[in-house]
Structure formats: C-alpha cells, structure tokens
C-alpha cells in the first residue's frame, strides 16, 4: 500500500491551503462569536469549484473520489476552520451521495449543477428527539396522497437548516409495526423547506456557533413524488452508502484539527518563558504533546487505509468505524492538551485552541457515539454477542 498522494491530489490540497490563507483563525473566531454563517468562505470555496469534487462530471462536478474530498476538508479543518469550516460545505461535498446513486435522472439534472455552483443549499434530516441513534424508530411520517406525499414530524440536530432551501429528509412511509424488518419502510425525499409548513429553531449549544444545529418541524408539507429519492421504503438502505464515507471524512478532519492544535501548543511552549526558561524545555509539557502527535499519526494511517478501501470499492466498514473512533479520540485529547499547555491563555479565545477543544468534543458523540463503534467492533469484528 502506498502512502503517497498523486500530483493531482496534492494540487487540490495546495489549492485549498492557498484559499484558506484568506480565512485565518481570526475569521473563524469572529464567525463563531457572532453566530454568523461563514458566507465569505463558502462563496469563495464554491467559486473555486471545490463543491463539485465528488459530483459526476455530467452534472458539472469533477467526479473525483473520497480521498480528494478528504484532502480538501482536512485543509479546511487544519487551517483554522475546524468544524465550523467543514460543516459549512460537508453536505454539498458528500451528503448528496444517495441522490447521485439512487435519484432519478430528472432529479440529478435539476439539483446537482446548482449544488456545484453553490446556489443550492441542502441540509440532512435524520435524527429525531425520541429516536436518536436508533434511526429505525423515527416517526416522521410521509403519507401518500395521489402523486404527492404529506409529511408531518420533527427532526433535531439538523445542521445548516437555516441556510438551506432543501433537506434530504428520512421519513417513514410504512409504520414500524407493519414492517418485517425494522430497516424497511423508510423513504428519502429531497424536500423544500417551505416556511408555510416548516418551522426551524436553532439549538443553543457548546460550540460550532457559525453553523447552527436546529430543530425542524414539518406540518403537512406536500412533496411531489418526483422529489422522492429512489424507491419507496428503501431510504434507510440508501443512507448506508454514505455512512462509511462520513466517518472516514470526519476522521481525516479530526486528525488535521488535532495536529493544528499541537503545532500551536509547540509554538507557544517555545515562546512562553517561566522561571527563566521556555516551558517547552519541561518534559511535563513535552511528553503529552509528543504522545498526542504519535496518536494522531497512527489514526491517520488507519484513515488512509479506509480511504483506499472506499475508493477501490472494497468493503471498508471496519476501517471506517475504527478510523472515526481513533481519530476523534486522538483529536479531542490533542486539543485538551493544547489548552493545558497554554495554561490560562488556553482558555482565551485569541489563542484559538479553546475553540478547537469545544468543536472536537462533539465528534465523540456525532455522527455516531464512540460506544456504538466499540459495540460494532465487538460484534462484527470480534464475533461477540450483540449488546444492544
């Protein structure tokens, strides 16, 4: 296995690195503090053509793989954008995989070119208050009415809902008790967020304030059957295609944030003089940072293996889950240690590591809690009994 990127892949990384010079840490700090969506960055990213990395060429994109997308997102996260930067473009880059794979030709030609240009903003509605990670227990219902469906229900933690005009929405078209399998009877729609029938409420939260997370209420929203993604009742299965990709991307973003935090801590430790010497001379400061650097390096190797498997269309569930687990654990610990190395200044916004710390914490919960990954490893890889 090669650990080298191609010249074209490195060119993408270099181009995004160059773009990020226009959006330094202070830009992201200001967006976060003001709770303002990073429009200047989003528009620049779209104008440079990066939103179309994974969109097929016939719809205006570049038709590239997950590795290219991971390099672009890692460049964003590792140059100060962290989670605010990545989630402002995440759905546009890879969230529409179910549409690309299973949507009608009419749907793809109608929506994908606008997505590439940055004119169409889409969010992703899956999680519900009473279902959480138990996706098969969702209650948002889509009831057939002629050539339309009428949707009622509630979603939670829908990122970017305030900026979006469409939502890739998972619903139940068959009640759970009528399904042979719990994963049956769910259908995906690409719905309009019509304010006459959709209410959006931002959720106050710990971090990533530039990109809101929202409660979204659907009240008799009518959706034409042409906006159904694939077959009725197959929505959950369509989602599975995107889950491994999401976990791999999150892992690579996390490694980049963690490394950036450690670099800032190393720089500060070399400049901060206490008791007549730089604190970076003390092993009590050195060793935690060195340990985190090693853990991030190991996590990246697992992530690279997962990327290689995904782009080769090989089974990658094991590596995707382990990459997400290892990388997000390592990133959060790295950011925590970076805060500690800064001492009191680690708590100050101007040094930025506190923002990284707040943003990486959520990765231990989402898009999948760490305990679920451990349960997956125990059951699927070690052959132990299912624990839930």
Protein backbone atom coordinates (compact mmCIF):
# COMPACT_ATOMS: atom_id res chain seq x y z
CA UNK A 1 0.00 0.00 0.00
CA UNK A 2 1.27 3.43 -0.95
CA UNK A 3 1.00 6.30 1.48
CA UNK A 4 1.78 8.90 -1.20
CA UNK A 5 -0.79 11.10 -2.85
CA UNK A 6 -0.82 11.72 -6.59
CA UNK A 7 0.30 15.09 -8.01
CA UNK A 8 -3.33 15.92 -8.82
CA UNK A 9 -4.43 15.12 -5.27
CA UNK A 10 -1.64 17.25 -3.82
CA UNK A 11 -2.64 20.06 -6.18
CA UNK A 12 -6.12 20.04 -4.63
CA UNK A 13 -4.65 20.18 -1.13
CA UNK A 14 -2.31 23.02 -2.09
CA UNK A 15 -5.14 24.97 -3.72
CA UNK A 16 -7.37 24.72 -0.65
CA UNK A 17 -4.40 25.60 1.60
CA UNK A 18 -3.91 28.71 -0.53
CA UNK A 19 -7.58 29.60 -0.31
CA UNK A 20 -7.52 29.21 3.47
CA UNK A 21 -4.85 31.91 3.73
CA UNK A 22 -7.71 34.34 3.12
CA UNK A 23 -9.59 32.90 6.09
CA UNK A 24 -7.24 32.72 9.08
CA UNK A 25 -8.09 31.75 12.64
CA UNK A 26 -9.39 35.20 13.49
CA UNK A 27 -12.00 34.94 10.72
CA UNK A 28 -13.36 31.71 12.18
CA UNK A 29 -13.23 33.07 15.72
CA UNK A 30 -15.28 36.09 14.67
CA UNK A 31 -17.86 33.97 12.83
CA UNK A 32 -18.13 31.70 15.84
CA UNK A 33 -18.53 34.53 18.32
CA UNK A 34 -21.09 36.34 16.16
CA UNK A 35 -23.01 33.11 15.39
CA UNK A 36 -22.74 34.03 11.71
CA UNK A 37 -22.54 31.56 8.85
CA UNK A 38 -19.14 31.87 7.07
CA UNK A 39 -20.57 33.15 3.81
CA UNK A 40 -17.33 34.70 2.55
CA UNK A 41 -15.54 31.36 2.87
CA UNK A 42 -18.45 29.34 1.47
CA UNK A 43 -18.75 31.57 -1.60
CA UNK A 44 -15.00 31.51 -2.23
CA UNK A 45 -14.93 27.72 -1.89
CA UNK A 46 -17.82 27.41 -4.35
CA UNK A 47 -16.33 29.87 -6.83
CA UNK A 48 -13.10 27.85 -6.84
CA UNK A 49 -15.12 24.79 -7.90
CA UNK A 50 -14.43 22.69 -4.81
CA UNK A 51 -18.09 21.97 -4.02
CA UNK A 52 -18.19 19.73 -7.08
CA UNK A 53 -15.27 17.48 -6.13
CA UNK A 54 -17.42 14.35 -5.81
CA UNK A 55 -20.25 15.30 -8.19
CA UNK A 56 -20.13 13.44 -11.53
CA UNK A 57 -18.79 15.44 -14.46
CA UNK A 58 -22.05 15.28 -16.41
CA UNK A 59 -23.66 17.40 -13.69
CA UNK A 60 -20.90 19.99 -13.52
CA UNK A 61 -18.61 18.38 -10.97
CA UNK A 62 -15.12 16.90 -11.07
CA UNK A 63 -16.17 13.30 -10.49
CA UNK A 64 -13.31 12.61 -8.07
CA UNK A 65 -13.11 10.25 -5.11
CA UNK A 66 -13.35 10.37 -1.36
CA UNK A 67 -9.59 10.87 -0.99
CA UNK A 68 -9.73 14.19 -2.87
CA UNK A 69 -12.65 15.31 -0.73
CA UNK A 70 -10.86 14.28 2.45
CA UNK A 71 -7.78 16.30 1.48
CA UNK A 72 -9.92 19.38 0.85
CA UNK A 73 -11.80 19.07 4.14
CA UNK A 74 -8.63 18.35 6.12
CA UNK A 75 -7.11 21.50 4.67
CA UNK A 76 -10.11 23.48 5.89
CA UNK A 77 -10.12 21.94 9.35
CA UNK A 78 -6.34 22.05 9.78
CA UNK A 79 -6.01 25.70 8.78
CA UNK A 80 -8.28 27.08 11.47
CA UNK A 81 -11.71 26.28 10.03
CA UNK A 82 -12.14 23.22 12.26
CA UNK A 83 -15.74 22.02 12.48
CA UNK A 84 -17.29 25.38 11.56
CA UNK A 85 -15.47 25.36 8.25
CA UNK A 86 -16.05 21.73 7.36
CA UNK A 87 -19.75 21.57 8.16
CA UNK A 88 -20.46 24.67 6.09
CA UNK A 89 -19.63 22.62 2.98
CA UNK A 90 -19.91 18.99 4.12
CA UNK A 91 -23.36 18.17 2.76
CA UNK A 92 -22.61 19.86 -0.55
CA UNK A 93 -19.48 17.75 -0.98
CA UNK A 94 -20.71 14.31 0.04
CA UNK A 95 -24.14 14.49 1.65
CA UNK A 96 -25.91 14.06 -1.67
CA UNK A 97 -24.45 10.60 -2.33
CA UNK A 98 -27.93 8.96 -2.13
CA UNK A 99 -29.19 11.35 -4.82
CA UNK A 100 -26.18 10.67 -7.05
CA UNK A 101 -26.57 6.90 -6.69
CA UNK A 102 -30.34 6.46 -6.50
CA UNK A 103 -32.03 9.68 -7.58
CA UNK A 104 -33.82 9.95 -10.90
CA UNK A 105 -32.05 11.49 -13.86
CA UNK A 106 -34.51 14.38 -13.68
CA UNK A 107 -33.65 14.98 -10.02
CA UNK A 108 -29.90 14.90 -10.65
CA UNK A 109 -30.05 17.30 -13.58
CA UNK A 110 -32.36 19.63 -11.69
CA UNK A 111 -30.38 19.90 -8.45
CA UNK A 112 -26.75 18.82 -8.77
CA UNK A 113 -25.49 21.62 -11.08
CA UNK A 114 -26.95 24.23 -8.72
CA UNK A 115 -25.29 22.47 -5.79
CA UNK A 116 -21.90 22.60 -7.53
CA UNK A 117 -22.26 26.33 -8.17
CA UNK A 118 -23.11 26.96 -4.53
CA UNK A 119 -26.58 28.26 -5.39
CA UNK A 120 -28.43 25.36 -3.75
CA UNK A 121 -28.03 24.73 -0.04
CA UNK A 122 -29.10 21.34 1.30
CA UNK A 123 -29.28 20.03 4.86
CA UNK A 124 -29.73 16.48 6.12
CA UNK A 125 -32.70 15.49 8.29
CA UNK A 126 -32.44 12.10 10.01
CA UNK A 127 -32.16 12.36 13.81
CA UNK A 128 -35.30 12.73 15.92
CA UNK A 129 -35.72 13.61 19.62
CA UNK A 130 -37.17 10.23 20.62
CA UNK A 131 -35.09 8.07 18.29
CA UNK A 132 -31.53 9.38 18.49
CA UNK A 133 -29.11 6.81 17.13
CA UNK A 134 -31.95 4.27 16.84
CA UNK A 135 -32.78 5.51 13.35
CA UNK A 136 -35.30 2.75 12.63
CA UNK A 137 -37.54 4.20 15.37
CA UNK A 138 -38.12 7.53 13.61
CA UNK A 139 -41.72 8.75 13.49
CA UNK A 140 -41.70 11.49 10.87
CA UNK A 141 -44.36 10.19 8.51
CA UNK A 142 -44.88 10.63 4.78
CA UNK A 143 -48.39 9.63 3.71
CA UNK A 144 -49.19 9.10 0.04
CA UNK A 145 -51.82 11.44 -1.44
CA UNK A 146 -52.10 10.93 -5.20
CA UNK A 147 -48.83 11.99 -6.82
CA UNK A 148 -47.75 13.75 -3.61
CA UNK A 149 -46.77 12.78 -0.09
CA UNK A 150 -47.84 14.72 3.02
CA UNK A 151 -45.10 14.88 5.64
CA UNK A 152 -45.53 15.50 9.37
CA UNK A 153 -42.94 15.15 12.11
CA UNK A 154 -39.95 16.62 13.87
CA UNK A 155 -36.21 16.40 13.33
CA UNK A 156 -33.42 17.56 15.61
CA UNK A 157 -29.74 18.47 15.19
CA UNK A 158 -30.29 19.38 11.54
CA UNK A 159 -27.14 21.34 10.68
CA UNK A 160 -27.33 24.30 8.31
CA UNK A 161 -31.14 24.21 8.18
CA UNK A 162 -31.33 27.99 8.46
CA UNK A 163 -29.27 28.47 5.31
CA UNK A 164 -30.84 25.65 3.29
CA UNK A 165 -33.72 25.66 0.84
CA UNK A 166 -33.85 21.85 0.55
CA UNK A 167 -33.48 18.99 3.02
CA UNK A 168 -32.58 15.38 2.31
CA UNK A 169 -35.21 14.01 4.67
CA UNK A 170 -35.66 10.49 6.01
CA UNK A 171 -39.28 9.56 6.71
CA UNK A 172 -41.44 6.55 7.45
CA UNK A 173 -43.82 5.64 4.65
CA UNK A 174 -44.77 2.39 6.38
CA UNK A 175 -45.33 2.29 10.16
CA UNK A 176 -42.66 0.32 12.01
CA UNK A 177 -45.13 -2.22 13.37
CA UNK A 178 -46.14 -3.14 9.80
CA UNK A 179 -42.56 -3.85 8.63
CA UNK A 180 -40.92 -7.28 8.55
CA UNK A 181 -37.56 -5.65 9.21
CA UNK A 182 -37.03 -2.52 11.29
CA UNK A 183 -34.94 -1.02 8.50
CA UNK A 184 -37.77 -1.37 5.96
CA UNK A 185 -40.48 1.19 5.28
CA UNK A 186 -38.32 4.32 5.34
CA UNK A 187 -38.14 6.68 2.38
CA UNK A 188 -35.82 9.55 1.46
CA UNK A 189 -37.11 12.79 -0.01
CA UNK A 190 -35.40 15.96 -1.19
CA UNK A 191 -37.96 18.36 0.23
CA UNK A 192 -38.46 22.12 0.05
CA UNK A 193 -38.11 23.87 3.40
CA UNK A 194 -41.30 25.82 2.77
CA UNK A 195 -41.72 28.27 5.68
CA UNK A 196 -45.50 27.89 5.40
CA UNK A 197 -45.15 24.26 6.50
CA UNK A 198 -41.68 24.06 8.05
CA UNK A 199 -40.54 25.71 11.28
CA UNK A 200 -36.81 25.95 12.05
CA UNK A 201 -35.46 26.68 15.54
CA UNK A 202 -31.71 26.89 16.28
CA UNK A 203 -30.48 24.95 19.32
CA UNK A 204 -28.12 26.83 21.68
CA UNK A 205 -25.02 24.68 22.03
CA UNK A 206 -21.43 24.44 23.26
CA UNK A 207 -19.54 25.11 20.05
CA UNK A 208 -19.55 25.40 16.27
CA UNK A 209 -21.66 28.51 16.58
CA UNK A 210 -21.12 29.67 12.99
CA UNK A 211 -23.15 26.74 11.68
CA UNK A 212 -26.39 26.26 13.55
CA UNK A 213 -27.93 22.96 14.61
CA UNK A 214 -31.70 23.08 14.53
CA UNK A 215 -35.00 21.57 15.47
CA UNK A 216 -37.13 21.33 12.34
CA UNK A 217 -40.90 20.83 12.47
CA UNK A 218 -42.80 19.55 9.41
CA UNK A 219 -46.51 20.36 9.35
CA UNK A 220 -48.46 18.96 6.37
CA UNK A 221 -45.60 19.56 3.95
CA UNK A 222 -46.62 18.36 0.48
CA UNK A 223 -43.84 16.78 -1.58
CA UNK A 224 -44.23 15.64 -5.17
CA UNK A 225 -43.21 12.06 -5.93
CA UNK A 226 -40.53 13.38 -8.31
CA UNK A 227 -38.64 14.55 -5.21
CA UNK A 228 -38.54 11.04 -3.78
CA UNK A 229 -35.03 9.55 -3.83
CA UNK A 230 -35.18 6.08 -5.35
CA UNK A 231 -37.82 3.56 -4.37
CA UNK A 232 -40.34 3.95 -1.60
CA UNK A 233 -39.30 2.05 1.52
CA UNK A 234 -35.59 1.82 0.63
CA UNK A 235 -34.42 5.06 2.26
CA UNK A 236 -32.52 3.51 5.15
CA UNK A 237 -30.56 1.26 2.80
CA UNK A 238 -29.68 4.26 0.62
CA UNK A 239 -28.31 6.05 3.67
CA UNK A 240 -25.88 3.24 4.41
CA UNK A 241 -23.84 4.12 1.30
CA UNK A 242 -22.96 7.46 2.83
CA UNK A 243 -22.26 6.43 6.42
CA UNK A 244 -18.81 4.97 5.83
CA UNK A 245 -17.81 8.00 3.77
CA UNK A 246 -18.95 10.35 6.52
CA UNK A 247 -16.99 8.51 9.20
CA UNK A 248 -13.83 8.50 7.11
CA UNK A 249 -14.13 12.21 6.32
CA UNK A 250 -14.73 13.07 9.97
CA UNK A 251 -11.63 11.05 10.90
CA UNK A 252 -9.42 12.90 8.45
CA UNK A 253 -10.80 16.28 9.52
CA UNK A 254 -10.19 15.37 13.17
CA UNK A 255 -6.55 14.42 12.56
CA UNK A 256 -5.98 17.79 10.91
CA UNK A 257 -7.55 19.76 13.77
CA UNK A 258 -5.54 17.81 16.34
CA UNK A 259 -2.28 18.43 14.52
CA UNK A 260 -3.02 22.14 14.23
CA UNK A 261 -3.70 22.31 17.97
CA UNK A 262 -0.42 20.55 18.78
CA UNK A 263 1.53 22.86 16.45
CA UNK A 264 0.08 25.89 18.23
CA UNK A 265 0.94 24.40 21.61
CA UNK A 266 4.53 23.67 20.50
CA UNK A 267 4.92 27.22 19.21
CA UNK A 268 3.55 28.69 22.43
CA UNK A 269 5.71 26.41 24.59
CA UNK A 270 8.80 27.62 22.77
CA UNK A 271 7.93 31.27 23.34
CA UNK A 272 6.48 31.21 26.85
CA UNK A 273 9.22 31.78 29.45
CA UNK A 274 8.52 30.90 33.09
CA UNK A 275 11.14 30.67 35.84
CA UNK A 276 13.78 31.81 33.38
CA UNK A 277 13.26 29.13 30.70
CA UNK A 278 10.81 28.26 27.92
CA UNK A 279 8.15 25.89 29.24
CA UNK A 280 8.80 23.71 26.18
CA UNK A 281 12.02 22.54 27.84
CA UNK A 282 9.99 20.76 30.50
CA UNK A 283 9.16 17.11 29.87
CA UNK A 284 5.84 17.64 31.63
CA UNK A 285 4.90 19.87 28.70
CA UNK A 286 6.75 17.93 26.01
CA UNK A 287 5.54 14.41 26.67
CA UNK A 288 1.76 14.93 26.42
CA UNK A 289 2.22 16.80 23.13
CA UNK A 290 4.57 14.15 21.78
CA UNK A 291 2.17 11.39 22.80
CA UNK A 292 -0.73 13.11 21.03
CA UNK A 293 1.34 13.59 17.89
CA UNK A 294 2.06 9.85 17.80
CA UNK A 295 -1.62 9.00 18.33
CA UNK A 296 -2.69 11.35 15.54
CA UNK A 297 -0.14 9.79 13.20
CA UNK A 298 -1.47 6.30 13.98
CA UNK A 299 -5.06 7.43 13.49
CA UNK A 300 -4.16 8.90 10.10
CA UNK A 301 -2.74 5.58 8.93
CA UNK A 302 -5.99 3.79 9.71
CA UNK A 303 -7.91 6.57 7.97
CA UNK A 304 -5.72 6.32 4.87
CA UNK A 305 -6.41 2.58 4.72
CA UNK A 306 -10.14 3.28 4.96
CA UNK A 307 -9.88 5.87 2.17
CA UNK A 308 -8.03 3.43 -0.06
CA UNK A 309 -10.64 0.73 0.51
CA UNK A 310 -13.55 3.12 -0.13
CA UNK A 311 -12.15 4.49 -3.38
CA UNK A 312 -11.34 0.96 -4.55
CA UNK A 313 -14.98 -0.06 -3.88
CA UNK A 314 -13.79 -2.60 -1.33
CA UNK A 315 -15.58 -3.34 1.97
CA UNK A 316 -14.46 -0.59 4.34
CA UNK A 317 -16.88 -0.64 7.27
CA UNK A 318 -14.34 -1.97 9.76
CA UNK A 319 -11.68 0.58 8.89
CA UNK A 320 -14.19 3.44 8.61
CA UNK A 321 -15.50 2.84 12.10
CA UNK A 322 -12.07 2.39 13.66
CA UNK A 323 -10.74 5.47 11.87
CA UNK A 324 -13.57 7.61 13.22
CA UNK A 325 -13.08 6.25 16.74
CA UNK A 326 -9.29 6.58 16.88
CA UNK A 327 -9.05 9.93 15.11
CA UNK A 328 -11.72 11.72 17.10
CA UNK A 329 -10.38 10.40 20.41
CA UNK A 330 -6.86 11.49 19.46
CA UNK A 331 -8.03 14.89 18.21
CA UNK A 332 -10.00 15.75 21.34
CA UNK A 333 -7.13 14.70 23.59
CA UNK A 334 -4.70 16.74 21.47
CA UNK A 335 -6.88 19.83 21.76
CA UNK A 336 -7.30 19.32 25.50
CA UNK A 337 -3.51 19.06 25.89
CA UNK A 338 -3.02 22.13 23.72
CA UNK A 339 -5.29 24.09 26.05
CA UNK A 340 -3.35 22.79 29.04
CA UNK A 341 0.00 23.70 27.50
CA UNK A 342 -1.20 27.28 27.05
CA UNK A 343 -2.14 27.49 30.72
CA UNK A 344 -4.62 30.28 31.41
CA UNK A 345 -4.22 31.57 27.87
CA UNK A 346 -5.58 28.29 26.58
CA UNK A 347 -8.93 29.47 27.91
CA UNK A 348 -8.68 32.73 25.97
CA UNK A 349 -10.38 32.94 22.56
CA UNK A 350 -7.46 34.80 20.95
CA UNK A 351 -5.26 31.68 21.09
CA UNK A 352 -7.94 29.60 19.31
CA UNK A 353 -7.24 26.26 20.95
CA UNK A 354 -10.30 26.63 23.19
CA UNK A 355 -12.43 26.77 20.03
CA UNK A 356 -10.79 23.59 18.70
CA UNK A 357 -11.42 21.95 22.09
CA UNK A 358 -15.12 22.85 22.04
CA UNK A 359 -15.61 21.76 18.45
CA UNK A 360 -13.79 18.42 18.65
CA UNK A 361 -15.83 17.40 21.70
CA UNK A 362 -18.93 16.79 19.59
CA UNK A 363 -17.12 14.19 17.47
CA UNK A 364 -17.18 11.84 20.49
CA UNK A 365 -20.99 11.98 20.18
CA UNK A 366 -21.71 12.54 16.49
CA UNK A 367 -22.18 11.44 13.80
CA UNK A 368 -22.03 8.25 15.85
CA UNK A 369 -21.23 7.90 19.54
CA UNK A 370 -17.99 6.15 20.39
CA UNK A 371 -19.75 3.38 22.32
CA UNK A 372 -21.62 2.33 19.19
CA UNK A 373 -18.33 1.93 17.36
CA UNK A 374 -16.95 -0.20 20.18
CA UNK A 375 -20.13 -2.27 20.03
CA UNK A 376 -19.63 -2.65 16.27
CA UNK A 377 -16.03 -3.81 16.73
CA UNK A 378 -17.04 -6.26 19.46
CA UNK A 379 -19.90 -7.76 17.42
CA UNK A 380 -18.78 -7.53 13.80
CA UNK A 381 -15.02 -7.94 14.16
CA UNK A 382 -14.60 -10.00 17.33
CA UNK A 383 -17.74 -12.14 16.96
CA UNK A 384 -19.14 -11.28 20.38
CA UNK A 385 -22.91 -11.20 21.13
CA UNK A 386 -24.86 -8.09 20.14
CA UNK A 387 -25.03 -5.84 23.20
CA UNK A 388 -28.00 -3.63 22.32
